[in-house]
Amino acid sequence: MSDIKFSRKWCYPSSETFSIKPIRELLERYVTDSNWLDPFARNSKVAHITNDLNPNTSADFHLDALEFMRMYQDNSIDGVLFDPPYSLRQVKECYDGIGISLSQHETRYFFTDLKKEIARVLKPGGTCISFGWNSGGIGKNLGFDIVEILLVPHGGSHHDTIVTVDVKR
């Protein structure tokens, strides 16, 4: 494995993650005209096929993210934007906000199940760009290598946004 590219670029926070300048610039370098999915798109149209659980968004689909990912065949997708709620508390707030209760399974395996589905649907050489408060990405155990990490501090009491770019072996 080659070295990981690492950069740190300060920018104001935004609830629209992909509008944050250094994140937008990273996406412009990776997201191509090929087959990209975004299971947590809200109103973003960066990916070619979008999903959001909330029916009041402009996403193409309004399914649970796991159900959305299961629609795709093994090794059929070029890239995935993985910008889920960053904590289980945020997951619960998203579900509660549209009147759905989280199951016990979801509270234990929400992130793990989604990462397994991303690994399943991505083609070898495919890219997953993950966003959150850690740089774990999809993981070596699921066949991924990190190629780039972008740390975006926002100042004050805001958590940094950590962007991890993984490529499937």
Protein backbone atom coordinates (compact mmCIF):
# COMPACT_ATOMS: atom_id res chain seq x y z
CA MET A 1 0.00 0.00 0.00
CA SER A 2 1.25 3.49 -0.81
CA ASP A 3 1.33 6.44 1.54
CA ILE A 4 -1.89 8.08 2.66
CA LYS A 5 -2.36 11.67 1.51
CA PHE A 6 -3.27 13.79 4.54
CA SER A 7 -4.41 17.41 4.62
CA ARG A 8 -6.01 19.78 7.10
CA LYS A 9 -8.07 22.74 5.90
CA TRP A 10 -10.07 25.01 8.20
CA CYS A 11 -13.57 26.06 7.10
CA TYR A 12 -16.84 27.19 8.66
CA PRO A 13 -19.27 24.34 9.42
CA SER A 14 -22.43 23.66 7.43
CA SER A 15 -25.25 21.15 7.76
CA GLU A 16 -24.80 20.68 3.99
CA THR A 17 -21.50 18.78 4.25
CA PHE A 18 -20.73 18.81 0.53
CA SER A 19 -20.97 22.62 0.35
CA ILE A 20 -17.97 23.04 2.69
CA LYS A 21 -15.24 24.33 0.36
CA PRO A 22 -12.39 21.85 1.04
CA ILE A 23 -14.87 18.95 1.02
CA ARG A 24 -16.46 20.17 -2.22
CA GLU A 25 -12.98 20.40 -3.79
CA LEU A 26 -12.13 16.83 -2.70
CA LEU A 27 -15.42 15.54 -4.15
CA GLU A 28 -14.69 17.30 -7.46
CA ARG A 29 -11.45 15.30 -7.68
CA TYR A 30 -13.02 11.89 -6.99
CA VAL A 31 -16.67 11.81 -8.06
CA THR A 32 -16.75 11.07 -11.76
CA ASP A 33 -19.50 10.74 -14.32
CA SER A 34 -19.77 7.07 -13.45
CA ASN A 35 -22.12 5.19 -11.12
CA TRP A 36 -22.07 6.79 -7.62
CA LEU A 37 -24.56 6.27 -4.76
CA ASP A 38 -25.43 8.49 -1.80
CA PRO A 39 -27.58 6.68 0.79
CA PHE A 40 -27.89 9.82 3.02
CA ALA A 41 -28.19 12.53 0.37
CA ARG A 42 -30.71 14.93 1.90
CA ASN A 43 -30.99 17.41 -1.01
CA SER A 44 -27.52 16.84 -2.47
CA LYS A 45 -27.15 15.83 -6.10
CA VAL A 46 -23.39 15.14 -6.05
CA ALA A 47 -23.93 11.38 -6.51
CA HIS A 48 -25.84 10.06 -9.50
CA ILE A 49 -28.34 8.04 -7.45
CA THR A 50 -29.53 9.55 -4.18
CA ASN A 51 -31.49 8.34 -1.19
CA ASP A 52 -32.69 9.86 2.06
CA LEU A 53 -35.01 8.41 4.66
CA ASN A 54 -36.77 11.76 4.99
CA PRO A 55 -39.54 12.04 2.36
CA ASN A 56 -39.28 15.84 2.46
CA THR A 57 -35.95 15.84 0.61
CA SER A 58 -35.22 15.89 -3.12
CA ALA A 59 -33.51 12.47 -3.06
CA ASP A 60 -34.39 9.93 -5.76
CA PHE A 61 -35.43 7.37 -3.12
CA HIS A 62 -36.78 7.64 0.44
CA LEU A 63 -35.74 4.31 1.91
CA ASP A 64 -33.83 3.17 4.95
CA ALA A 65 -30.16 3.37 3.87
CA LEU A 66 -29.62 -0.36 4.33
CA GLU A 67 -32.69 -1.18 2.22
CA PHE A 68 -31.44 1.28 -0.44
CA MET A 69 -27.98 -0.34 -0.57
CA ARG A 70 -29.50 -3.82 -0.83
CA MET A 71 -31.15 -2.82 -4.14
CA TYR A 72 -27.76 -3.03 -5.90
CA GLN A 73 -25.91 -6.10 -7.15
CA ASP A 74 -22.50 -7.22 -5.90
CA ASN A 75 -19.54 -5.33 -7.44
CA SER A 76 -21.84 -3.08 -9.51
CA ILE A 77 -21.12 0.44 -8.18
CA ASP A 78 -18.15 2.75 -8.88
CA GLY A 79 -18.41 4.95 -5.80
CA VAL A 80 -20.34 5.63 -2.61
CA LEU A 81 -20.65 8.84 -0.60
CA PHE A 82 -21.09 7.72 3.01
CA ASP A 83 -22.25 10.75 5.01
CA PRO A 84 -24.51 9.20 7.66
CA PRO A 85 -25.48 10.80 10.95
CA TYR A 86 -22.17 10.84 12.84
CA SER A 87 -23.37 9.25 16.10
CA LEU A 88 -26.14 6.90 17.26
CA ARG A 89 -27.76 9.89 18.97
CA GLN A 90 -27.96 11.64 15.60
CA VAL A 91 -29.31 8.46 13.96
CA LYS A 92 -32.06 8.32 16.59
CA GLU A 93 -32.91 12.00 16.03
CA CYS A 94 -33.19 11.44 12.26
CA TYR A 95 -35.50 8.44 12.72
CA ASP A 96 -37.55 10.13 15.45
CA GLY A 97 -37.88 13.23 13.26
CA ILE A 98 -39.97 11.30 10.75
CA GLY A 99 -41.79 9.08 13.23
CA ILE A 100 -39.77 5.85 12.93
CA SER A 101 -38.34 3.99 15.90
CA LEU A 102 -34.90 2.42 15.81
CA SER A 103 -34.83 -1.32 16.45
CA GLN A 104 -32.37 -2.86 18.92
CA HIS A 105 -30.51 -4.35 15.94
CA GLU A 106 -30.12 -0.92 14.32
CA THR A 107 -28.75 0.66 17.49
CA ARG A 108 -26.08 -2.06 17.70
CA TYR A 109 -25.18 -2.58 14.06
CA PHE A 110 -26.24 0.55 12.14
CA PHE A 111 -22.76 1.52 10.92
CA THR A 112 -21.38 -2.04 10.66
CA ASP A 113 -24.24 -3.28 8.45
CA LEU A 114 -23.94 -0.29 6.13
CA LYS A 115 -20.18 -0.71 5.74
CA LYS A 116 -20.69 -4.37 4.80
CA GLU A 117 -23.22 -3.37 2.14
CA ILE A 118 -20.88 -0.71 0.75
CA ALA A 119 -18.12 -3.34 0.52
CA ARG A 120 -20.51 -5.71 -1.25
CA VAL A 121 -21.78 -3.29 -3.91
CA LEU A 122 -18.54 -1.50 -4.77
CA LYS A 123 -16.50 -2.81 -7.70
CA PRO A 124 -12.86 -3.68 -7.08
CA GLY A 125 -11.04 -0.36 -7.46
CA GLY A 126 -14.23 1.47 -6.44
CA THR A 127 -14.09 4.41 -4.05
CA CYS A 128 -15.98 5.16 -0.86
CA ILE A 129 -15.74 8.64 0.63
CA SER A 130 -16.77 8.56 4.30
CA PHE A 131 -17.59 11.53 6.51
CA GLY A 132 -17.71 11.63 10.28
CA TRP A 133 -15.84 12.18 13.53
CA ASN A 134 -13.30 9.41 12.96
CA SER A 135 -11.01 8.26 10.17
CA GLY A 136 -11.92 4.57 10.27
CA GLY A 137 -13.34 4.53 6.76
CA ILE A 138 -14.83 1.24 5.58
CA GLY A 139 -11.98 -0.87 6.90
CA LYS A 140 -9.15 -3.21 5.99
CA ASN A 141 -11.19 -6.21 7.14
CA LEU A 142 -13.75 -5.43 4.43
CA GLY A 143 -11.04 -5.13 1.76
CA PHE A 144 -10.37 -1.39 1.67
CA ASP A 145 -7.24 0.76 1.73
CA ILE A 146 -7.29 4.40 2.82
CA VAL A 147 -5.75 6.65 0.17
CA GLU A 148 -6.59 10.09 1.57
CA ILE A 149 -7.75 11.76 4.78
CA LEU A 150 -8.99 15.35 4.94
CA LEU A 151 -9.39 16.91 8.36
CA VAL A 152 -11.69 19.94 8.38
CA PRO A 153 -11.64 21.84 11.68
CA HIS A 154 -14.49 24.31 12.13
CA GLY A 155 -13.35 26.23 15.20
CA GLY A 156 -15.11 26.90 18.47
CA SER A 157 -16.90 23.96 20.02
CA HIS A 158 -17.63 22.29 16.65
CA HIS A 159 -16.26 18.81 16.03
CA ASP A 160 -13.90 18.52 13.08
CA THR A 161 -15.30 16.81 10.00
CA ILE A 162 -13.06 13.93 9.00
CA VAL A 163 -13.22 12.77 5.39
CA THR A 164 -11.73 9.36 4.58
CA VAL A 165 -11.24 8.15 1.01
CA ASP A 166 -11.07 4.35 0.70
CA VAL A 167 -10.46 2.23 -2.38
CA LYS A 168 -11.67 -1.38 -2.56
CA ARG A 169 -8.91 -3.90 -3.23
